[in-house]
């Protein structure tokens, strides 16, 4: 992967999200800020994580929607149009327990055949960045973020069903990354 992928990713996300989806763009900027705070625990993978943070929701862009499942649409776009790094595509595809949502949407077979799971350390870091950022880009606890998602979508929506199933995994990912970050910072 080339250096400064995050700068390229930022511009690509801006192009597709800023004007048509300003709130999603605000969230994306907040997720990228959160990802940058994790650089000390990621070393050489910090740029890849930040790039994935910029691009994790690109599949929501109206001009990129195909299946209506944003992780799959975004990862396909990156792979097929930009020939993006496989690790980056897999992070976007699998961000925040997306495989669980793919099952809820009846897309599990397609999803798993197209995109292998992402590196677990980077996947947890991206989940942490996403699940600790509000739709408006502000930092929040994972519990508050999950409650906000449930409230926004309502009880019978597929996203709410997914969140209920994924919640223990999402919380575990965030707590593990936060613990690692605290351990590393207290070691210095």
Foldseek 3Di string as FASTA:
>chain_A
DDPQLLVVLLVVLCVQDCPPPVLQQLLLVLLLVLLQLLCVVVPPCSSLLSSLSSQLQSQVRPVQPDPVLSLVSSLCCCCVVVVDDLLSSQLSNCALNSLLLCVLVVNNVVSCVVHPHHDLLSNLSSLLSNQQAASNSDGHQNVVSLVVQCVVQDDPDSVVVSCVVSVVVSNVSNVVSVVSSVVVVVVD
